[in-house]
Amino acid sequence: MAIVIIATSSVCFGQNSVGISGVVTFQANETPLHQASVRIVELKRSTVTDDDGKFNFENLPAGIYTVIVHQEGFADQTRKVT
């Protein structure tokens, strides 16, 4: 079994903060995975996906981040996000 992470980042112009948001789905049929743990390694921040598999981090310092998604029964997935 595998999961898919679709993550995007956005920049607030005039500020040095960014946001990272995305959706976590089951690869086989694109079913959203709710209550999956999503963690930004470098900032030691985490959240869980909602019922639609969505997650969101706001007011982050600009940078390159490692995002890890963990869901029981699946292999952890890691992505670099800028």
N, C-alpha and C. Protein backbone atom coordinates (compact mmCIF):
# COMPACT_ATOMS: atom_id res chain seq x y z
N MET A 1 0.84 -1.18 0.00
CA MET A 1 0.00 0.00 0.00
C MET A 1 0.88 1.24 0.00
N ALA A 2 0.44 2.26 -0.66
CA ALA A 2 1.20 3.50 -0.71
C ALA A 2 0.24 4.68 -0.60
N ILE A 3 0.78 5.78 -0.14
CA ILE A 3 0.00 7.01 -0.07
C ILE A 3 0.65 8.06 -0.95
N VAL A 4 -0.15 9.03 -1.36
CA VAL A 4 0.32 10.11 -2.22
C VAL A 4 0.16 11.42 -1.45
N ILE A 5 1.21 12.24 -1.51
CA ILE A 5 1.16 13.57 -0.90
C ILE A 5 1.19 14.59 -2.03
N ILE A 6 0.23 15.46 -2.03
CA ILE A 6 0.25 16.60 -2.96
C ILE A 6 0.37 17.83 -2.08
N ALA A 7 1.55 18.45 -2.11
CA ALA A 7 1.80 19.61 -1.25
C ALA A 7 2.16 20.81 -2.11
N THR A 8 1.67 21.96 -1.69
CA THR A 8 2.02 23.22 -2.35
C THR A 8 2.45 24.22 -1.29
N SER A 9 3.23 25.18 -1.70
CA SER A 9 3.61 26.24 -0.77
C SER A 9 3.18 27.57 -1.36
N SER A 10 2.96 28.53 -0.48
CA SER A 10 2.58 29.87 -0.93
C SER A 10 3.37 30.90 -0.13
N VAL A 11 3.61 32.02 -0.75
CA VAL A 11 4.39 33.09 -0.12
C VAL A 11 3.50 34.30 0.06
N CYS A 12 3.59 34.91 1.23
CA CYS A 12 2.89 36.18 1.47
C CYS A 12 3.84 37.30 1.07
N PHE A 13 3.52 38.00 0.00
CA PHE A 13 4.38 39.08 -0.48
C PHE A 13 4.45 40.19 0.56
N GLY A 14 5.65 40.71 0.74
CA GLY A 14 5.86 41.75 1.72
C GLY A 14 6.15 41.20 3.10
N GLN A 15 6.08 39.88 3.24
CA GLN A 15 6.37 39.22 4.51
C GLN A 15 7.34 38.08 4.24
N ASN A 16 7.95 37.60 5.28
CA ASN A 16 8.88 36.49 5.14
C ASN A 16 8.26 35.17 5.58
N SER A 17 6.96 35.05 5.49
CA SER A 17 6.31 33.82 5.91
C SER A 17 5.69 33.11 4.72
N VAL A 18 5.61 31.80 4.85
CA VAL A 18 5.02 30.97 3.80
C VAL A 18 4.02 30.01 4.43
N GLY A 19 3.26 29.35 3.59
CA GLY A 19 2.35 28.32 4.04
C GLY A 19 2.55 27.06 3.22
N ILE A 20 2.31 25.92 3.83
CA ILE A 20 2.35 24.65 3.12
C ILE A 20 1.02 23.96 3.35
N SER A 21 0.38 23.55 2.27
CA SER A 21 -0.88 22.84 2.38
C SER A 21 -0.89 21.71 1.38
N GLY A 22 -1.77 20.75 1.58
CA GLY A 22 -1.82 19.64 0.65
C GLY A 22 -2.92 18.66 0.98
N VAL A 23 -2.91 17.55 0.25
CA VAL A 23 -3.89 16.49 0.41
C VAL A 23 -3.14 15.16 0.44
N VAL A 24 -3.54 14.28 1.34
CA VAL A 24 -2.96 12.95 1.44
C VAL A 24 -4.04 11.95 1.00
N THR A 25 -3.69 11.13 0.01
CA THR A 25 -4.65 10.15 -0.52
C THR A 25 -4.03 8.77 -0.62
N PHE A 26 -4.87 7.75 -0.66
CA PHE A 26 -4.47 6.38 -0.91
C PHE A 26 -4.20 6.24 -2.40
N GLN A 27 -3.00 5.79 -2.75
CA GLN A 27 -2.57 5.79 -4.15
C GLN A 27 -3.46 4.96 -5.07
N ALA A 28 -3.94 3.83 -4.60
CA ALA A 28 -4.69 2.90 -5.46
C ALA A 28 -5.98 3.51 -6.01
N ASN A 29 -6.68 4.28 -5.19
CA ASN A 29 -7.97 4.79 -5.66
C ASN A 29 -8.20 6.27 -5.32
N GLU A 30 -7.15 6.96 -4.86
CA GLU A 30 -7.21 8.38 -4.54
C GLU A 30 -8.19 8.73 -3.44
N THR A 31 -8.50 7.78 -2.56
CA THR A 31 -9.35 8.03 -1.41
C THR A 31 -8.59 8.89 -0.40
N PRO A 32 -9.19 9.97 0.08
CA PRO A 32 -8.51 10.80 1.08
C PRO A 32 -8.24 10.01 2.36
N LEU A 33 -7.06 10.24 2.95
CA LEU A 33 -6.72 9.61 4.22
C LEU A 33 -6.89 10.64 5.34
N HIS A 34 -7.88 10.42 6.19
CA HIS A 34 -8.10 11.35 7.30
C HIS A 34 -7.34 10.86 8.53
N GLN A 35 -6.98 11.80 9.37
CA GLN A 35 -6.24 11.55 10.61
C GLN A 35 -4.82 11.02 10.36
N ALA A 36 -4.26 11.29 9.17
CA ALA A 36 -2.84 10.97 8.93
C ALA A 36 -2.00 12.07 9.58
N SER A 37 -0.88 11.68 10.16
CA SER A 37 0.03 12.63 10.79
C SER A 37 0.93 13.26 9.74
N VAL A 38 1.00 14.59 9.72
CA VAL A 38 1.86 15.32 8.78
C VAL A 38 2.83 16.15 9.62
N ARG A 39 4.13 15.98 9.36
CA ARG A 39 5.14 16.64 10.20
C ARG A 39 6.16 17.37 9.33
N ILE A 40 6.54 18.58 9.76
CA ILE A 40 7.64 19.31 9.15
C ILE A 40 8.85 19.08 10.06
N VAL A 41 9.80 18.31 9.56
CA VAL A 41 10.93 17.87 10.37
C VAL A 41 11.72 19.04 10.95
N GLU A 42 12.11 19.98 10.10
CA GLU A 42 12.99 21.06 10.52
C GLU A 42 12.38 21.97 11.58
N LEU A 43 11.07 22.10 11.59
CA LEU A 43 10.40 23.00 12.53
C LEU A 43 9.77 22.26 13.70
N LYS A 44 9.79 20.93 13.65
CA LYS A 44 9.16 20.11 14.70
C LYS A 44 7.69 20.50 14.89
N ARG A 45 7.03 20.78 13.77
CA ARG A 45 5.59 21.09 13.80
C ARG A 45 4.83 19.96 13.15
N SER A 46 3.65 19.68 13.67
CA SER A 46 2.86 18.61 13.09
C SER A 46 1.38 18.95 13.17
N THR A 47 0.63 18.24 12.35
CA THR A 47 -0.82 18.36 12.32
C THR A 47 -1.37 17.03 11.83
N VAL A 48 -2.69 16.91 11.76
CA VAL A 48 -3.32 15.73 11.19
C VAL A 48 -4.24 16.16 10.06
N THR A 49 -4.44 15.26 9.11
CA THR A 49 -5.32 15.57 7.99
C THR A 49 -6.78 15.56 8.45
N ASP A 50 -7.60 16.35 7.75
CA ASP A 50 -9.02 16.39 8.06
C ASP A 50 -9.76 15.26 7.34
N ASP A 51 -11.06 15.27 7.37
CA ASP A 51 -11.86 14.19 6.75
C ASP A 51 -11.66 14.09 5.25
N ASP A 52 -11.19 15.18 4.61
CA ASP A 52 -10.94 15.19 3.17
C ASP A 52 -9.47 14.93 2.84
N GLY A 53 -8.67 14.57 3.85
CA GLY A 53 -7.25 14.31 3.64
C GLY A 53 -6.40 15.56 3.54
N LYS A 54 -6.98 16.73 3.84
CA LYS A 54 -6.26 18.00 3.68
C LYS A 54 -5.51 18.38 4.95
N PHE A 55 -4.37 19.07 4.74
CA PHE A 55 -3.61 19.62 5.86
C PHE A 55 -3.12 21.01 5.48
N ASN A 56 -2.75 21.80 6.50
CA ASN A 56 -2.32 23.17 6.26
C ASN A 56 -1.40 23.63 7.38
N PHE A 57 -0.28 24.23 6.99
CA PHE A 57 0.63 24.90 7.92
C PHE A 57 0.72 26.35 7.46
N GLU A 58 0.59 27.30 8.39
CA GLU A 58 0.66 28.72 8.06
C GLU A 58 1.77 29.40 8.84
N ASN A 59 2.15 30.59 8.37
CA ASN A 59 3.13 31.44 9.05
C ASN A 59 4.44 30.73 9.32
N LEU A 60 4.98 30.09 8.29
CA LEU A 60 6.27 29.42 8.40
C LEU A 60 7.36 30.34 7.86
N PRO A 61 8.56 30.28 8.43
CA PRO A 61 9.67 31.02 7.83
C PRO A 61 9.97 30.44 6.45
N ALA A 62 10.35 31.28 5.50
CA ALA A 62 10.69 30.78 4.17
C ALA A 62 11.84 29.80 4.27
N GLY A 63 11.80 28.74 3.46
CA GLY A 63 12.88 27.76 3.49
C GLY A 63 12.51 26.50 2.73
N ILE A 64 13.37 25.53 2.82
CA ILE A 64 13.15 24.21 2.23
C ILE A 64 12.86 23.26 3.38
N TYR A 65 11.75 22.54 3.29
CA TYR A 65 11.32 21.70 4.39
C TYR A 65 11.12 20.25 3.97
N THR A 66 11.32 19.37 4.93
CA THR A 66 11.05 17.95 4.76
C THR A 66 9.70 17.67 5.42
N VAL A 67 8.75 17.20 4.63
CA VAL A 67 7.42 16.87 5.13
C VAL A 67 7.28 15.35 5.15
N ILE A 68 6.93 14.81 6.31
CA ILE A 68 6.74 13.36 6.45
C ILE A 68 5.29 13.10 6.81
N VAL A 69 4.68 12.15 6.10
CA VAL A 69 3.31 11.74 6.39
C VAL A 69 3.34 10.31 6.93
N HIS A 70 2.65 10.11 8.05
CA HIS A 70 2.55 8.79 8.66
C HIS A 70 1.08 8.42 8.82
N GLN A 71 0.75 7.24 8.37
CA GLN A 71 -0.60 6.69 8.56
C GLN A 71 -0.42 5.22 8.92
N GLU A 72 -1.01 4.80 10.00
CA GLU A 72 -0.91 3.41 10.42
C GLU A 72 -1.30 2.48 9.28
N GLY A 73 -0.46 1.45 9.03
CA GLY A 73 -0.73 0.51 7.96
C GLY A 73 -0.11 0.87 6.63
N PHE A 74 0.53 2.04 6.54
CA PHE A 74 1.17 2.50 5.33
C PHE A 74 2.64 2.82 5.61
N ALA A 75 3.48 2.76 4.59
CA ALA A 75 4.86 3.21 4.73
C ALA A 75 4.88 4.73 4.81
N ASP A 76 5.73 5.29 5.66
CA ASP A 76 5.85 6.74 5.73
C ASP A 76 6.28 7.30 4.38
N GLN A 77 5.77 8.47 4.05
CA GLN A 77 6.12 9.15 2.80
C GLN A 77 6.80 10.46 3.14
N THR A 78 7.87 10.77 2.41
CA THR A 78 8.65 11.98 2.66
C THR A 78 8.75 12.79 1.38
N ARG A 79 8.58 14.12 1.50
CA ARG A 79 8.71 15.03 0.37
C ARG A 79 9.47 16.27 0.81
N LYS A 80 10.26 16.83 -0.08
CA LYS A 80 10.90 18.13 0.12
C LYS A 80 9.97 19.18 -0.46
N VAL A 81 9.72 20.25 0.28
CA VAL A 81 8.84 21.32 -0.17
C VAL A 81 9.59 22.63 -0.01
N THR A 82 9.53 23.47 -1.06
CA THR A 82 10.19 24.78 -0.99
C THR A 82 9.17 25.89 -1.06
